[in-house]
Amino acid sequence: MHVVLASASPARLSVLRSAGLDPLVEVSDVDEEALLAAVPDASPGEKVTRLAGAKATTVARRIADTRPDAVVIGCDSMLHIDGELVGKPVDADQARKRWRAMAGGTGELVTGHAVLRLADGEIDRVAEGHAVTTVRFGEPTEDELEAYVASGEPMAVAGAFTLDGLSGWFVEGIDGDPSNVIGISLPLTRRLLAGVGVPVTTLWSPASGRP
């Protein structure tokens, strides 16, 4: 059975490959702002899960003819901090301001997940959920912050940080699933796959060295 990752995130792809999967990548073209605007009163978990579901559904319909019996995994991550749900900063100035606000504090990285199973080209089963990991931020110096912003990394990731990149130097610790902070929770994805009748062990790539 083919596994399709409905995400352009290299970090999510890396997590899945390290965990024994070799997914195809198919990027969705979902209008995230419009979807969020339609559910202004939803909880952070509900919002990111809605986005993940929309991405997975868009990709599932697109590949239905060429991959009629695939499993599609969609994800969306945002940082919940100071009562606000934020995604990628729009520019270097916003990334700088976010880090100054986050420094020395905590936030919750919230990732929505959707797993869709196709059967004969039709969406047959769906399982959705979200995971939350608390992140404790350090306090980078002004020089460190300027160097980090200049790297361009914060503009490419939800919340202007990532655990497995340059900003890992400025994360003091986490409470919860580390893979969720990177962009896809392996424990939750395993449960969602089981929810659509696909044990994760049946998806392990022979090249991974697993049974």
Protein backbone atom coordinates (compact mmCIF):
# COMPACT_ATOMS: atom_id res chain seq x y z
CA MET A 1 0.00 0.00 0.00
CA HIS A 2 1.33 3.42 -0.94
CA VAL A 3 1.75 6.05 1.76
CA VAL A 4 1.32 9.64 0.60
CA LEU A 5 2.38 12.61 2.70
CA ALA A 6 0.21 15.65 1.95
CA SER A 7 2.87 18.12 3.04
CA ALA A 8 5.85 19.99 1.63
CA SER A 9 7.64 19.85 4.99
CA PRO A 10 11.09 18.23 4.70
CA ALA A 11 11.07 17.78 8.48
CA ARG A 12 7.90 15.66 8.40
CA LEU A 13 9.30 13.60 5.56
CA SER A 14 12.53 13.06 7.49
CA VAL A 15 10.66 11.92 10.60
CA LEU A 16 8.64 9.37 8.64
CA ARG A 17 11.70 8.08 6.78
CA SER A 18 13.65 7.71 10.01
CA ALA A 19 10.70 5.74 11.40
CA GLY A 20 10.69 3.25 8.53
CA LEU A 21 8.25 4.75 6.00
CA ASP A 22 9.10 5.92 2.50
CA PRO A 23 6.13 8.10 1.56
CA LEU A 24 5.40 9.79 -1.70
CA VAL A 25 5.05 13.55 -1.33
CA GLU A 26 2.08 15.38 -2.79
CA VAL A 27 1.62 19.01 -1.76
CA SER A 28 -1.90 20.36 -1.35
CA ASP A 29 -3.03 23.82 -2.43
CA VAL A 30 -5.41 24.52 0.44
CA ASP A 31 -6.26 28.13 1.26
CA GLU A 32 -5.36 27.98 4.95
CA GLU A 33 -6.41 31.54 5.78
CA ALA A 34 -9.87 31.01 4.33
CA LEU A 35 -10.35 27.78 6.27
CA LEU A 36 -9.31 29.38 9.54
CA ALA A 37 -11.52 32.39 8.90
CA ALA A 38 -14.49 30.03 8.60
CA VAL A 39 -14.01 28.69 12.14
CA PRO A 40 -13.04 31.71 14.27
CA ASP A 41 -14.37 30.23 17.50
CA ALA A 42 -12.83 26.77 17.17
CA SER A 43 -10.17 25.60 19.62
CA PRO A 44 -6.52 25.50 18.52
CA GLY A 45 -6.71 21.73 18.18
CA GLU A 46 -9.86 21.91 16.09
CA LYS A 47 -8.33 24.52 13.78
CA VAL A 48 -5.14 22.65 12.99
CA THR A 49 -7.03 19.38 12.60
CA ARG A 50 -9.40 21.03 10.14
CA LEU A 51 -6.42 22.22 8.11
CA ALA A 52 -4.80 18.79 8.20
CA GLY A 53 -8.04 17.17 7.05
CA ALA A 54 -8.46 19.63 4.19
CA LYS A 55 -4.91 19.01 3.00
CA ALA A 56 -5.27 15.23 3.14
CA THR A 57 -8.67 15.31 1.40
CA THR A 58 -7.41 17.56 -1.40
CA VAL A 59 -4.48 15.26 -2.07
CA ALA A 60 -6.55 12.08 -1.77
CA ARG A 61 -8.95 13.28 -4.46
CA ARG A 62 -6.07 14.32 -6.69
CA ILE A 63 -4.32 10.94 -6.56
CA ALA A 64 -7.45 8.76 -6.56
CA ASP A 65 -6.95 7.63 -10.16
CA THR A 66 -3.22 6.94 -9.95
CA ARG A 67 -3.04 5.64 -6.35
CA PRO A 68 -6.50 4.15 -5.77
CA ASP A 69 -5.53 2.17 -2.67
CA ALA A 70 -3.24 4.58 -0.84
CA VAL A 71 -3.07 5.98 2.68
CA VAL A 72 -2.82 9.77 2.81
CA ILE A 73 -1.37 11.58 5.83
CA GLY A 74 -2.02 15.28 6.29
CA CYS A 75 -0.63 17.52 9.04
CA ASP A 76 -0.67 21.15 10.08
CA SER A 77 1.29 22.72 12.95
CA MET A 78 0.86 26.02 14.76
CA LEU A 79 2.17 27.48 17.99
CA HIS A 80 -0.31 28.45 20.69
CA ILE A 81 1.27 31.15 22.83
CA ASP A 82 -0.19 33.94 24.95
CA GLY A 83 -3.68 32.98 23.81
CA GLU A 84 -2.81 33.33 20.13
CA LEU A 85 -2.40 30.64 17.48
CA VAL A 86 0.45 31.51 15.12
CA GLY A 87 1.95 29.85 12.07
CA LYS A 88 4.97 30.86 10.03
CA PRO A 89 6.08 34.48 10.40
CA VAL A 90 5.57 36.55 7.29
CA ASP A 91 8.97 38.20 7.41
CA ALA A 92 12.18 38.62 9.41
CA ASP A 93 10.75 41.44 11.52
CA GLN A 94 7.81 39.33 12.65
CA ALA A 95 10.13 36.40 13.41
CA ARG A 96 12.30 38.69 15.53
CA LYS A 97 9.31 40.03 17.46
CA ARG A 98 7.97 36.54 18.07
CA TRP A 99 11.24 35.33 19.50
CA ARG A 100 11.50 38.31 21.79
CA ALA A 101 8.00 37.51 23.06
CA MET A 102 8.71 33.77 23.41
CA ALA A 103 12.12 34.06 25.08
CA GLY A 104 12.12 32.65 28.60
CA GLY A 105 8.50 31.53 28.31
CA THR A 106 6.50 28.52 27.17
CA GLY A 107 4.19 27.74 24.29
CA GLU A 108 2.22 24.79 23.00
CA LEU A 109 3.05 23.33 19.63
CA VAL A 110 -0.25 22.00 18.30
CA THR A 111 -0.27 19.66 15.30
CA GLY A 112 -3.41 18.46 13.58
CA HIS A 113 -3.29 15.05 11.89
CA ALA A 114 -5.57 13.40 9.36
CA VAL A 115 -5.20 9.90 7.93
CA LEU A 116 -7.37 8.93 4.95
CA ARG A 117 -7.55 5.46 3.45
CA LEU A 118 -8.46 5.12 -0.21
CA ALA A 119 -10.15 1.99 -1.53
CA ASP A 120 -10.72 1.71 -5.27
CA GLY A 121 -10.17 5.43 -5.62
CA GLU A 122 -12.72 6.44 -2.98
CA ILE A 123 -12.07 7.80 0.51
CA ASP A 124 -13.08 4.77 2.53
CA ARG A 125 -12.02 5.54 6.09
CA VAL A 126 -10.88 8.66 7.95
CA ALA A 127 -9.19 9.17 11.32
CA GLU A 128 -8.27 12.58 12.73
CA GLY A 129 -6.77 14.03 15.87
CA HIS A 130 -4.25 16.48 17.24
CA ALA A 131 -1.24 16.39 19.54
CA VAL A 132 0.08 19.06 21.89
CA THR A 133 3.64 19.44 23.16
CA THR A 134 4.72 22.16 25.58
CA VAL A 135 7.92 23.94 24.59
CA ARG A 136 10.14 25.83 27.05
CA PHE A 137 12.09 28.53 25.26
CA GLY A 138 15.51 29.81 26.20
CA GLU A 139 16.67 33.39 25.96
CA PRO A 140 18.97 33.98 22.99
CA THR A 141 21.15 37.07 23.10
CA GLU A 142 20.45 39.85 20.63
CA ASP A 143 23.42 38.73 18.54
CA GLU A 144 22.20 35.12 18.57
CA LEU A 145 18.70 36.20 17.63
CA GLU A 146 19.94 38.33 14.75
CA ALA A 147 22.07 35.45 13.46
CA TYR A 148 19.13 33.08 13.69
CA VAL A 149 16.74 35.42 11.88
CA ALA A 150 19.39 36.02 9.20
CA SER A 151 19.57 32.25 8.60
CA GLY A 152 16.05 32.34 7.16
CA GLU A 153 14.96 29.27 9.12
CA PRO A 154 12.30 30.92 11.32
CA MET A 155 10.32 32.12 8.31
CA ALA A 156 9.93 28.54 7.08
CA VAL A 157 8.54 26.92 10.23
CA ALA A 158 5.45 27.22 12.42
CA GLY A 159 6.01 29.44 15.42
CA ALA A 160 9.38 30.66 14.05
CA PHE A 161 11.27 27.74 15.58
CA THR A 162 11.98 24.06 15.15
CA LEU A 163 13.43 21.48 17.50
CA ASP A 164 15.66 19.77 14.96
CA GLY A 165 17.21 22.86 13.39
CA LEU A 166 19.24 25.89 14.34
CA SER A 167 16.75 27.04 16.96
CA GLY A 168 17.27 23.80 18.87
CA TRP A 169 20.06 25.71 20.60
CA PHE A 170 17.45 28.02 22.10
CA VAL A 171 14.91 25.44 23.30
CA GLU A 172 15.43 24.58 26.97
CA GLY A 173 13.14 21.56 26.96
CA ILE A 174 9.79 20.09 26.05
CA ASP A 175 6.97 18.27 27.79
CA GLY A 176 5.41 15.72 25.48
CA ASP A 177 6.13 14.08 22.16
CA PRO A 178 9.27 15.47 20.45
CA SER A 179 8.24 14.27 16.98
CA ASN A 180 5.12 16.41 17.28
CA VAL A 181 7.28 19.52 17.62
CA ILE A 182 9.12 18.59 14.44
CA GLY A 183 5.79 18.38 12.65
CA ILE A 184 4.24 14.91 12.89
CA SER A 185 3.50 12.90 16.03
CA LEU A 186 4.55 9.30 15.47
CA PRO A 187 2.47 7.90 18.37
CA LEU A 188 -0.67 9.69 17.21
CA THR A 189 -0.09 8.79 13.56
CA ARG A 190 0.30 5.13 14.55
CA ARG A 191 -3.06 5.23 16.34
CA LEU A 192 -4.75 6.98 13.43
CA LEU A 193 -3.36 4.46 10.95
CA ALA A 194 -4.75 1.69 13.14
CA GLY A 195 -8.05 3.57 13.13
CA VAL A 196 -8.30 3.16 9.35
CA GLY A 197 -7.26 -0.48 9.55
CA VAL A 198 -3.57 -0.14 8.64
CA PRO A 199 -1.00 -1.37 11.20
CA VAL A 200 2.08 0.83 10.89
CA THR A 201 4.34 -2.23 10.83
CA THR A 202 2.87 -3.22 7.47
CA LEU A 203 4.10 0.06 6.01
CA TRP A 204 7.75 -0.23 7.04
CA SER A 205 10.02 0.01 4.04
CA PRO A 206 12.32 -2.99 3.38
CA ALA A 207 15.17 -0.51 3.01
CA SER A 208 14.65 0.61 6.60
CA GLY A 209 16.00 -2.68 7.92
CA ARG A 210 12.83 -3.41 9.88
CA PRO A 211 11.06 -6.77 9.61
